[in-house]
């Protein structure tokens, strides 16, 4: 299990992670709502085809906080190889949105390992802290995925 991070430019972050599981199982963990709910969101809807829609909700831990919801369109769907999603996060006040593209490549390494390359692009980070937050959030998500799969 290895992990790498790259800060390509102000509006792109690349993370690479090797997960000890078959590529089709890892791909399913990104596209099957029942599996998504085990590592990424509390509630998931996912149309597993190009042009489909998805929605992920993570429930707030405190009563005074809003749930975290992202949604978007499946821009590219190549089974066991690549998934590209528009990623739209509405702020709590619903007046503003953060929009970027999440590009995930899956590469089989033998029978029981998969290299995931996750690229978040199109979201200009206002400062180093927002870049670090984004990198840490994706890194933690990939760690959750690895724990589920391995």
Protein backbone atom coordinates (compact mmCIF):
# COMPACT_ATOMS: atom_id res chain seq x y z
CA UNK A 1 0.00 0.00 0.00
CA UNK A 2 1.62 3.22 -1.13
CA UNK A 3 0.44 6.75 -1.44
CA UNK A 4 1.62 9.84 -3.29
CA UNK A 5 0.50 13.44 -3.58
CA UNK A 6 1.23 16.02 -6.20
CA UNK A 7 0.32 19.68 -6.33
CA UNK A 8 0.47 20.18 -10.07
CA UNK A 9 -0.68 23.79 -10.17
CA UNK A 10 -3.11 26.09 -8.38
CA UNK A 11 -6.20 24.37 -9.76
CA UNK A 12 -5.14 20.71 -9.80
CA UNK A 13 -4.25 18.12 -7.19
CA UNK A 14 -3.13 14.58 -8.01
CA UNK A 15 -3.07 11.67 -5.57
CA UNK A 16 -1.94 8.13 -6.30
CA UNK A 17 -2.72 5.16 -4.12
CA UNK A 18 -2.17 1.42 -4.46
CA UNK A 19 -4.97 -0.68 -2.99
CA UNK A 20 -4.65 -4.40 -2.37
CA UNK A 21 -7.80 -5.48 -4.21
CA UNK A 22 -8.89 -6.52 -7.70
CA UNK A 23 -9.52 -3.60 -10.07
CA UNK A 24 -13.20 -4.51 -10.61
CA UNK A 25 -13.81 -4.48 -6.84
CA UNK A 26 -12.12 -1.09 -6.44
CA UNK A 27 -14.08 0.35 -9.38
CA UNK A 28 -17.33 -0.99 -7.89
CA UNK A 29 -16.53 0.76 -4.62
CA UNK A 30 -16.73 4.07 -6.54
CA UNK A 31 -19.91 3.24 -8.48
CA UNK A 32 -22.11 0.97 -6.34
CA UNK A 33 -24.19 3.03 -3.85
CA UNK A 34 -24.12 0.24 -1.24
CA UNK A 35 -20.32 0.22 -1.33
CA UNK A 36 -20.00 4.02 -1.52
CA UNK A 37 -22.00 4.19 1.71
CA UNK A 38 -19.36 2.04 3.42
CA UNK A 39 -16.48 4.46 2.86
CA UNK A 40 -17.41 7.79 1.25
CA UNK A 41 -20.93 8.92 2.20
CA UNK A 42 -23.82 8.14 4.51
CA UNK A 43 -26.29 8.20 1.61
CA UNK A 44 -25.40 7.57 -2.04
CA UNK A 45 -27.15 7.52 -5.38
CA UNK A 46 -25.12 6.70 -8.50
CA UNK A 47 -26.18 6.10 -12.10
CA UNK A 48 -23.32 3.88 -13.31
CA UNK A 49 -23.17 5.05 -16.92
CA UNK A 50 -21.86 8.00 -18.90
CA UNK A 51 -24.36 10.86 -18.62
CA UNK A 52 -25.77 9.49 -15.38
CA UNK A 53 -26.24 11.53 -12.21
CA UNK A 54 -24.94 10.97 -8.70
CA UNK A 55 -25.52 12.39 -5.24
CA UNK A 56 -23.58 11.77 -2.01
CA UNK A 57 -24.68 13.01 1.41
CA UNK A 58 -22.60 12.93 4.58
CA UNK A 59 -24.64 13.67 7.68
CA UNK A 60 -23.49 16.46 9.98
CA UNK A 61 -22.12 15.33 13.31
CA UNK A 62 -23.57 18.29 15.22
CA UNK A 63 -27.19 19.41 15.19
CA UNK A 64 -26.22 23.00 14.34
CA UNK A 65 -24.24 21.97 11.24
CA UNK A 66 -25.63 21.28 7.78
CA UNK A 67 -25.23 17.94 6.02
CA UNK A 68 -22.49 17.85 3.38
CA UNK A 69 -23.91 17.13 -0.09
CA UNK A 70 -22.18 16.75 -3.43
CA UNK A 71 -23.76 15.89 -6.75
CA UNK A 72 -23.01 15.97 -10.42
CA UNK A 73 -22.83 14.12 -13.68
CA UNK A 74 -20.85 11.08 -14.75
CA UNK A 75 -18.80 12.59 -17.59
CA UNK A 76 -16.79 9.47 -18.45
CA UNK A 77 -17.49 5.86 -17.50
CA UNK A 78 -15.06 3.18 -18.70
CA UNK A 79 -15.61 0.13 -16.52
CA UNK A 80 -12.58 -0.85 -14.43
CA UNK A 81 -10.48 1.88 -16.07
CA UNK A 82 -11.70 5.46 -15.67
CA UNK A 83 -14.37 7.53 -14.03
CA UNK A 84 -14.76 11.30 -14.51
CA UNK A 85 -17.33 13.19 -12.45
CA UNK A 86 -18.40 16.81 -12.31
CA UNK A 87 -18.32 17.57 -8.58
CA UNK A 88 -20.71 20.20 -7.26
CA UNK A 89 -20.76 21.13 -3.59
CA UNK A 90 -23.36 23.62 -2.44
CA UNK A 91 -22.42 25.80 0.50
CA UNK A 92 -24.59 25.65 3.58
CA UNK A 93 -26.37 28.86 2.59
CA UNK A 94 -27.13 27.30 -0.86
CA UNK A 95 -26.14 30.58 -2.53
CA UNK A 96 -22.76 29.45 -3.79
CA UNK A 97 -21.29 26.30 -5.28
CA UNK A 98 -17.84 24.80 -5.59
CA UNK A 99 -17.53 23.07 -8.94
CA UNK A 100 -14.64 20.98 -10.17
CA UNK A 101 -13.92 17.75 -12.04
CA UNK A 102 -12.81 14.56 -10.37
CA UNK A 103 -10.90 12.24 -12.71
CA UNK A 104 -10.12 8.76 -11.33
CA UNK A 105 -7.99 6.27 -13.26
CA UNK A 106 -7.86 2.59 -12.22
CA UNK A 107 -4.94 0.37 -13.24
CA UNK A 108 -4.75 -3.32 -12.40
CA UNK A 109 -1.42 -4.49 -11.02
CA UNK A 110 -1.52 -8.25 -11.12
CA UNK A 111 -4.65 -9.96 -9.79
CA UNK A 112 -4.91 -8.36 -6.38
CA UNK A 113 -3.74 -4.77 -6.58
CA UNK A 114 -5.04 -1.60 -8.17
CA UNK A 115 -3.36 1.75 -8.62
CA UNK A 116 -5.80 4.64 -8.34
CA UNK A 117 -4.79 8.03 -9.67
CA UNK A 118 -7.22 10.71 -8.51
CA UNK A 119 -7.04 14.16 -10.08
CA UNK A 120 -9.09 17.05 -8.75
CA UNK A 121 -8.98 19.83 -11.32
CA UNK A 122 -10.64 23.13 -12.00
CA UNK A 123 -10.98 24.33 -8.42
CA UNK A 124 -8.66 27.27 -7.86
CA UNK A 125 -7.61 27.10 -4.23
CA UNK A 126 -7.62 30.51 -2.61
CA UNK A 127 -4.60 29.73 -0.46
CA UNK A 128 -2.27 26.98 0.70
CA UNK A 129 -4.63 26.02 3.52
CA UNK A 130 -7.52 25.17 1.18
CA UNK A 131 -5.15 23.10 -0.98
CA UNK A 132 -3.89 21.25 2.07
CA UNK A 133 -7.46 20.67 3.29
CA UNK A 134 -8.46 19.27 -0.10
CA UNK A 135 -5.40 16.99 -0.30
CA UNK A 136 -5.96 15.75 3.25
CA UNK A 137 -9.66 15.12 2.62
CA UNK A 138 -8.98 13.03 -0.52
CA UNK A 139 -6.12 11.24 1.17
CA UNK A 140 -8.39 10.31 4.10
CA UNK A 141 -11.10 9.14 1.68
CA UNK A 142 -8.62 6.89 -0.14
CA UNK A 143 -7.46 5.52 3.22
CA UNK A 144 -11.09 4.66 4.07
CA UNK A 145 -11.41 2.95 0.69
CA UNK A 146 -8.21 0.96 1.27
CA UNK A 147 -9.42 -0.17 4.69
CA UNK A 148 -12.71 -1.35 3.16
CA UNK A 149 -11.06 -3.20 0.28
CA UNK A 150 -8.01 -4.77 1.92
